[in-house]
Amino acid sequence: MQNRLKEFRNSINKTQLEIANIWGISLSFYKQIECGAKNPSIQTIKKFKEKFPTADTNKIFFT
């Protein structure tokens, strides 16, 4: 997941802080998700999809 999330972030030219702010999570939690130390809950993934509707959440989080 971490590589796919980072690839998505880079594809839209955003920093970790920008993504965290848009997503509504802390920067530290975002970094933990991106590096694979933590997994987001289904609710957190739904929130991601709301904020980034064109993102392929299945590809980013479930493959």
PDB file of N, CA and C in Angstrom:
ATOM      1  N   MET A   1       0.814  -1.193   0.000  1.00  0.00           N
ATOM      2  CA  MET A   1       0.000   0.000   0.000  1.00  0.00           C
ATOM      3  C   MET A   1       0.854   1.251   0.000  1.00  0.00           C
ATOM      4  N   GLN A   2       1.939   1.252   0.769  1.00  0.00           N
ATOM      5  CA  GLN A   2       2.702   2.475   0.924  1.00  0.00           C
ATOM      6  C   GLN A   2       3.224   3.028  -0.400  1.00  0.00           C
ATOM      7  N   ASN A   3       3.698   2.166  -1.282  1.00  0.00           N
ATOM      8  CA  ASN A   3       4.196   2.656  -2.562  1.00  0.00           C
ATOM      9  C   ASN A   3       3.074   3.220  -3.409  1.00  0.00           C
ATOM     10  N   ARG A   4       1.915   2.584  -3.373  1.00  0.00           N
ATOM     11  CA  ARG A   4       0.790   3.062  -4.175  1.00  0.00           C
ATOM     12  C   ARG A   4       0.266   4.391  -3.653  1.00  0.00           C
ATOM     13  N   LEU A   5       0.233   4.560  -2.352  1.00  0.00           N
ATOM     14  CA  LEU A   5      -0.211   5.825  -1.777  1.00  0.00           C
ATOM     15  C   LEU A   5       0.778   6.936  -2.120  1.00  0.00           C
ATOM     16  N   LYS A   6       2.055   6.635  -2.013  1.00  0.00           N
ATOM     17  CA  LYS A   6       3.069   7.622  -2.365  1.00  0.00           C
ATOM     18  C   LYS A   6       3.006   7.965  -3.855  1.00  0.00           C
ATOM     19  N   GLU A   7       2.811   6.959  -4.695  1.00  0.00           N
ATOM     20  CA  GLU A   7       2.676   7.202  -6.133  1.00  0.00           C
ATOM     21  C   GLU A   7       1.482   8.099  -6.421  1.00  0.00           C
ATOM     22  N   PHE A   8       0.360   7.853  -5.743  1.00  0.00           N
ATOM     23  CA  PHE A   8      -0.814   8.709  -5.921  1.00  0.00           C
ATOM     24  C   PHE A   8      -0.483  10.136  -5.508  1.00  0.00           C
ATOM     25  N   ARG A   9       0.126  10.287  -4.343  1.00  0.00           N
ATOM     26  CA  ARG A   9       0.464  11.628  -3.839  1.00  0.00           C
ATOM     27  C   ARG A   9       1.369  12.360  -4.823  1.00  0.00           C
ATOM     28  N   ASN A  10       2.372  11.658  -5.322  1.00  0.00           N
ATOM     29  CA  ASN A  10       3.285  12.284  -6.283  1.00  0.00           C
ATOM     30  C   ASN A  10       2.588  12.612  -7.598  1.00  0.00           C
ATOM     31  N   SER A  11       1.642  11.778  -7.999  1.00  0.00           N
ATOM     32  CA  SER A  11       0.942  12.006  -9.267  1.00  0.00           C
ATOM     33  C   SER A  11       0.099  13.277  -9.247  1.00  0.00           C
ATOM     34  N   ILE A  12      -0.314  13.699  -8.051  1.00  0.00           N
ATOM     35  CA  ILE A  12      -1.090  14.941  -7.956  1.00  0.00           C
ATOM     36  C   ILE A  12      -0.250  16.089  -7.375  1.00  0.00           C
ATOM     37  N   ASN A  13       1.050  15.850  -7.303  1.00  0.00           N
ATOM     38  CA  ASN A  13       2.007  16.885  -6.881  1.00  0.00           C
ATOM     39  C   ASN A  13       1.664  17.519  -5.539  1.00  0.00           C
ATOM     40  N   LYS A  14       1.446  16.660  -4.551  1.00  0.00           N
ATOM     41  CA  LYS A  14       1.149  17.132  -3.200  1.00  0.00           C
ATOM     42  C   LYS A  14       2.190  16.600  -2.232  1.00  0.00           C
ATOM     43  N   THR A  15       2.418  17.356  -1.174  1.00  0.00           N
ATOM     44  CA  THR A  15       3.301  16.907  -0.104  1.00  0.00           C
ATOM     45  C   THR A  15       2.512  16.026   0.855  1.00  0.00           C
ATOM     46  N   GLN A  16       3.223  15.359   1.738  1.00  0.00           N
ATOM     47  CA  GLN A  16       2.541  14.561   2.761  1.00  0.00           C
ATOM     48  C   GLN A  16       1.635  15.442   3.607  1.00  0.00           C
ATOM     49  N   LEU A  17       2.107  16.621   3.957  1.00  0.00           N
ATOM     50  CA  LEU A  17       1.312  17.540   4.775  1.00  0.00           C
ATOM     51  C   LEU A  17       0.052  17.975   4.034  1.00  0.00           C
ATOM     52  N   GLU A  18       0.165  18.273   2.759  1.00  0.00           N
ATOM     53  CA  GLU A  18      -1.007  18.689   1.995  1.00  0.00           C
ATOM     54  C   GLU A  18      -2.050  17.580   1.930  1.00  0.00           C
ATOM     55  N   ILE A  19      -1.603  16.359   1.661  1.00  0.00           N
ATOM     56  CA  ILE A  19      -2.540  15.227   1.605  1.00  0.00           C
ATOM     57  C   ILE A  19      -3.198  15.019   2.969  1.00  0.00           C
ATOM     58  N   ALA A  20      -2.397  15.044   4.033  1.00  0.00           N
ATOM     59  CA  ALA A  20      -2.946  14.863   5.380  1.00  0.00           C
ATOM     60  C   ALA A  20      -3.995  15.925   5.690  1.00  0.00           C
ATOM     61  N   ASN A  21      -3.712  17.167   5.342  1.00  0.00           N
ATOM     62  CA  ASN A  21      -4.660  18.254   5.607  1.00  0.00           C
ATOM     63  C   ASN A  21      -5.946  18.081   4.811  1.00  0.00           C
ATOM     64  N   ILE A  22      -5.831  17.749   3.537  1.00  0.00           N
ATOM     65  CA  ILE A  22      -7.021  17.544   2.711  1.00  0.00           C
ATOM     66  C   ILE A  22      -7.827  16.363   3.238  1.00  0.00           C
ATOM     67  N   TRP A  23      -7.139  15.291   3.583  1.00  0.00           N
ATOM     68  CA  TRP A  23      -7.769  14.055   4.053  1.00  0.00           C
ATOM     69  C   TRP A  23      -8.387  14.248   5.438  1.00  0.00           C
ATOM     70  N   GLY A  24      -7.846  15.192   6.216  1.00  0.00           N
ATOM     71  CA  GLY A  24      -8.360  15.446   7.556  1.00  0.00           C
ATOM     72  C   GLY A  24      -7.756  14.554   8.620  1.00  0.00           C
ATOM     73  N   ILE A  25      -6.516  14.119   8.385  1.00  0.00           N
ATOM     74  CA  ILE A  25      -5.801  13.311   9.376  1.00  0.00           C
ATOM     75  C   ILE A  25      -4.506  14.014   9.732  1.00  0.00           C
ATOM     76  N   SER A  26      -3.889  13.579  10.808  1.00  0.00           N
ATOM     77  CA  SER A  26      -2.633  14.203  11.217  1.00  0.00           C
ATOM     78  C   SER A  26      -1.501  13.795  10.274  1.00  0.00           C
ATOM     79  N   LEU A  27      -0.502  14.630  10.205  1.00  0.00           N
ATOM     80  CA  LEU A  27       0.665  14.330   9.383  1.00  0.00           C
ATOM     81  C   LEU A  27       1.345  13.059   9.877  1.00  0.00           C
ATOM     82  N   SER A  28       1.442  12.887  11.178  1.00  0.00           N
ATOM     83  CA  SER A  28       2.116  11.696  11.702  1.00  0.00           C
ATOM     84  C   SER A  28       1.361  10.427  11.322  1.00  0.00           C
ATOM     85  N   PHE A  29       0.018  10.455  11.380  1.00  0.00           N
ATOM     86  CA  PHE A  29      -0.766   9.297  10.982  1.00  0.00           C
ATOM     87  C   PHE A  29      -0.604   9.036   9.485  1.00  0.00           C
ATOM     88  N   TYR A  30      -0.628  10.102   8.697  1.00  0.00           N
ATOM     89  CA  TYR A  30      -0.433   9.934   7.251  1.00  0.00           C
ATOM     90  C   TYR A  30       0.914   9.267   6.966  1.00  0.00           C
ATOM     91  N   LYS A  31       1.962   9.749   7.616  1.00  0.00           N
ATOM     92  CA  LYS A  31       3.296   9.174   7.388  1.00  0.00           C
ATOM     93  C   LYS A  31       3.318   7.691   7.757  1.00  0.00           C
ATOM     94  N   GLN A  32       2.631   7.330   8.830  1.00  0.00           N
ATOM     95  CA  GLN A  32       2.584   5.929   9.244  1.00  0.00           C
ATOM     96  C   GLN A  32       1.844   5.074   8.214  1.00  0.00           C
ATOM     97  N   ILE A  33       0.796   5.625   7.621  1.00  0.00           N
ATOM     98  CA  ILE A  33       0.073   4.896   6.579  1.00  0.00           C
ATOM     99  C   ILE A  33       0.965   4.751   5.350  1.00  0.00           C
ATOM    100  N   GLU A  34       1.591   5.847   4.943  1.00  0.00           N
ATOM    101  CA  GLU A  34       2.400   5.810   3.728  1.00  0.00           C
ATOM    102  C   GLU A  34       3.593   4.863   3.850  1.00  0.00           C
ATOM    103  N   CYS A  35       4.178   4.769   5.018  1.00  0.00           N
ATOM    104  CA  CYS A  35       5.340   3.881   5.176  1.00  0.00           C
ATOM    105  C   CYS A  35       4.936   2.447   5.529  1.00  0.00           C
ATOM    106  N   GLY A  36       3.640   2.213   5.736  1.00  0.00           N
ATOM    107  CA  GLY A  36       3.168   0.864   5.997  1.00  0.00           C
ATOM    108  C   GLY A  36       3.146   0.462   7.465  1.00  0.00           C
ATOM    109  N   ALA A  37       3.410   1.403   8.370  1.00  0.00           N
ATOM    110  CA  ALA A  37       3.403   1.087   9.792  1.00  0.00           C
ATOM    111  C   ALA A  37       1.982   0.961  10.349  1.00  0.00           C
ATOM    112  N   LYS A  38       1.021   1.647   9.724  1.00  0.00           N
ATOM    113  CA  LYS A  38      -0.380   1.611  10.158  1.00  0.00           C
ATOM    114  C   LYS A  38      -1.260   1.391   8.942  1.00  0.00           C
ATOM    115  N   ASN A  39      -2.414   0.789   9.178  1.00  0.00           N
ATOM    116  CA  ASN A  39      -3.423   0.627   8.139  1.00  0.00           C
ATOM    117  C   ASN A  39      -4.610   1.515   8.478  1.00  0.00           C
ATOM    118  N   PRO A  40      -5.140   2.226   7.481  1.00  0.00           N
ATOM    119  CA  PRO A  40      -6.312   3.065   7.757  1.00  0.00           C
ATOM    120  C   PRO A  40      -7.559   2.210   7.934  1.00  0.00           C
ATOM    121  N   SER A  41      -8.476   2.695   8.732  1.00  0.00           N
ATOM    122  CA  SER A  41      -9.757   2.011   8.905  1.00  0.00           C
ATOM    123  C   SER A  41     -10.601   2.194   7.647  1.00  0.00           C
ATOM    124  N   ILE A  42     -11.657   1.430   7.547  1.00  0.00           N
ATOM    125  CA  ILE A  42     -12.576   1.575   6.414  1.00  0.00           C
ATOM    126  C   ILE A  42     -13.158   2.986   6.399  1.00  0.00           C
ATOM    127  N   GLN A  43     -13.480   3.522   7.562  1.00  0.00           N
ATOM    128  CA  GLN A  43     -14.006   4.890   7.642  1.00  0.00           C
ATOM    129  C   GLN A  43     -12.983   5.897   7.107  1.00  0.00           C
ATOM    130  N   THR A  44     -11.732   5.704   7.441  1.00  0.00           N
ATOM    131  CA  THR A  44     -10.680   6.607   6.980  1.00  0.00           C
ATOM    132  C   THR A  44     -10.507   6.491   5.467  1.00  0.00           C
ATOM    133  N   ILE A  45     -10.636   5.290   4.940  1.00  0.00           N
ATOM    134  CA  ILE A  45     -10.546   5.096   3.490  1.00  0.00           C
ATOM    135  C   ILE A  45     -11.743   5.749   2.794  1.00  0.00           C
ATOM    136  N   LYS A  46     -12.932   5.634   3.378  1.00  0.00           N
ATOM    137  CA  LYS A  46     -14.117   6.296   2.810  1.00  0.00           C
ATOM    138  C   LYS A  46     -13.920   7.809   2.778  1.00  0.00           C
ATOM    139  N   LYS A  47     -13.336   8.336   3.826  1.00  0.00           N
ATOM    140  CA  LYS A  47     -13.054   9.770   3.893  1.00  0.00           C
ATOM    141  C   LYS A  47     -12.052  10.165   2.804  1.00  0.00           C
ATOM    142  N   PHE A  48     -11.052   9.314   2.576  1.00  0.00           N
ATOM    143  CA  PHE A  48     -10.072   9.548   1.509  1.00  0.00           C
ATOM    144  C   PHE A  48     -10.796   9.615   0.161  1.00  0.00           C
ATOM    145  N   LYS A  49     -11.704   8.673  -0.079  1.00  0.00           N
ATOM    146  CA  LYS A  49     -12.446   8.624  -1.345  1.00  0.00           C
ATOM    147  C   LYS A  49     -13.297   9.869  -1.529  1.00  0.00           C
ATOM    148  N   GLU A  50     -13.865  10.388  -0.449  1.00  0.00           N
ATOM    149  CA  GLU A  50     -14.652  11.621  -0.529  1.00  0.00           C
ATOM    150  C   GLU A  50     -13.780  12.803  -0.932  1.00  0.00           C
ATOM    151  N   LYS A  51     -12.585  12.850  -0.388  1.00  0.00           N
ATOM    152  CA  LYS A  51     -11.682  13.975  -0.648  1.00  0.00           C
ATOM    153  C   LYS A  51     -10.955  13.840  -1.988  1.00  0.00           C
ATOM    154  N   PHE A  52     -10.749  12.601  -2.431  1.00  0.00           N
ATOM    155  CA  PHE A  52     -10.037  12.330  -3.684  1.00  0.00           C
ATOM    156  C   PHE A  52     -10.896  11.380  -4.529  1.00  0.00           C
ATOM    157  N   PRO A  53     -12.006  11.882  -5.083  1.00  0.00           N
ATOM    158  CA  PRO A  53     -12.960  10.994  -5.767  1.00  0.00           C
ATOM    159  C   PRO A  53     -12.410  10.284  -7.004  1.00  0.00           C
ATOM    160  N   THR A  54     -11.386  10.821  -7.620  1.00  0.00           N
ATOM    161  CA  THR A  54     -10.838  10.174  -8.818  1.00  0.00           C
ATOM    162  C   THR A  54      -9.803   9.112  -8.478  1.00  0.00           C
ATOM    163  N   ALA A  55      -9.399   9.030  -7.219  1.00  0.00           N
ATOM    164  CA  ALA A  55      -8.401   8.046  -6.798  1.00  0.00           C
ATOM    165  C   ALA A  55      -8.997   6.643  -6.813  1.00  0.00           C
ATOM    166  N   ASP A  56      -8.205   5.674  -7.235  1.00  0.00           N
ATOM    167  CA  ASP A  56      -8.625   4.275  -7.241  1.00  0.00           C
ATOM    168  C   ASP A  56      -8.287   3.685  -5.868  1.00  0.00           C
ATOM    169  N   THR A  57      -9.237   3.790  -4.937  1.00  0.00           N
ATOM    170  CA  THR A  57      -8.968   3.340  -3.571  1.00  0.00           C
ATOM    171  C   THR A  57      -8.725   1.839  -3.498  1.00  0.00           C
ATOM    172  N   ASN A  58      -9.356   1.076  -4.380  1.00  0.00           N
ATOM    173  CA  ASN A  58      -9.092  -0.373  -4.389  1.00  0.00           C
ATOM    174  C   ASN A  58      -7.627  -0.634  -4.701  1.00  0.00           C
ATOM    175  N   LYS A  59      -7.103   0.045  -5.685  1.00  0.00           N
ATOM    176  CA  LYS A  59      -5.706  -0.138  -6.066  1.00  0.00           C
ATOM    177  C   LYS A  59      -4.761   0.359  -4.962  1.00  0.00           C
ATOM    178  N   ILE A  60      -5.093   1.499  -4.383  1.00  0.00           N
ATOM    179  CA  ILE A  60      -4.212   2.105  -3.380  1.00  0.00           C
ATOM    180  C   ILE A  60      -4.192   1.303  -2.078  1.00  0.00           C
ATOM    181  N   PHE A  61      -5.359   0.892  -1.606  1.00  0.00           N
ATOM    182  CA  PHE A  61      -5.457   0.310  -0.270  1.00  0.00           C
ATOM    183  C   PHE A  61      -5.665  -1.199  -0.205  1.00  0.00           C
ATOM    184  N   PHE A  62      -6.112  -1.823  -1.293  1.00  0.00           N
ATOM    185  CA  PHE A  62      -6.512  -3.226  -1.189  1.00  0.00           C
ATOM    186  C   PHE A  62      -5.759  -4.198  -2.108  1.00  0.00           C
ATOM    187  N   THR A  63      -4.775  -3.739  -2.832  1.00  0.00           N
ATOM    188  CA  THR A  63      -4.042  -4.668  -3.699  1.00  0.00           C
ATOM    189  C   THR A  63      -2.591  -4.767  -3.286  1.00  0.00           C
TER     190      THR A  63
END
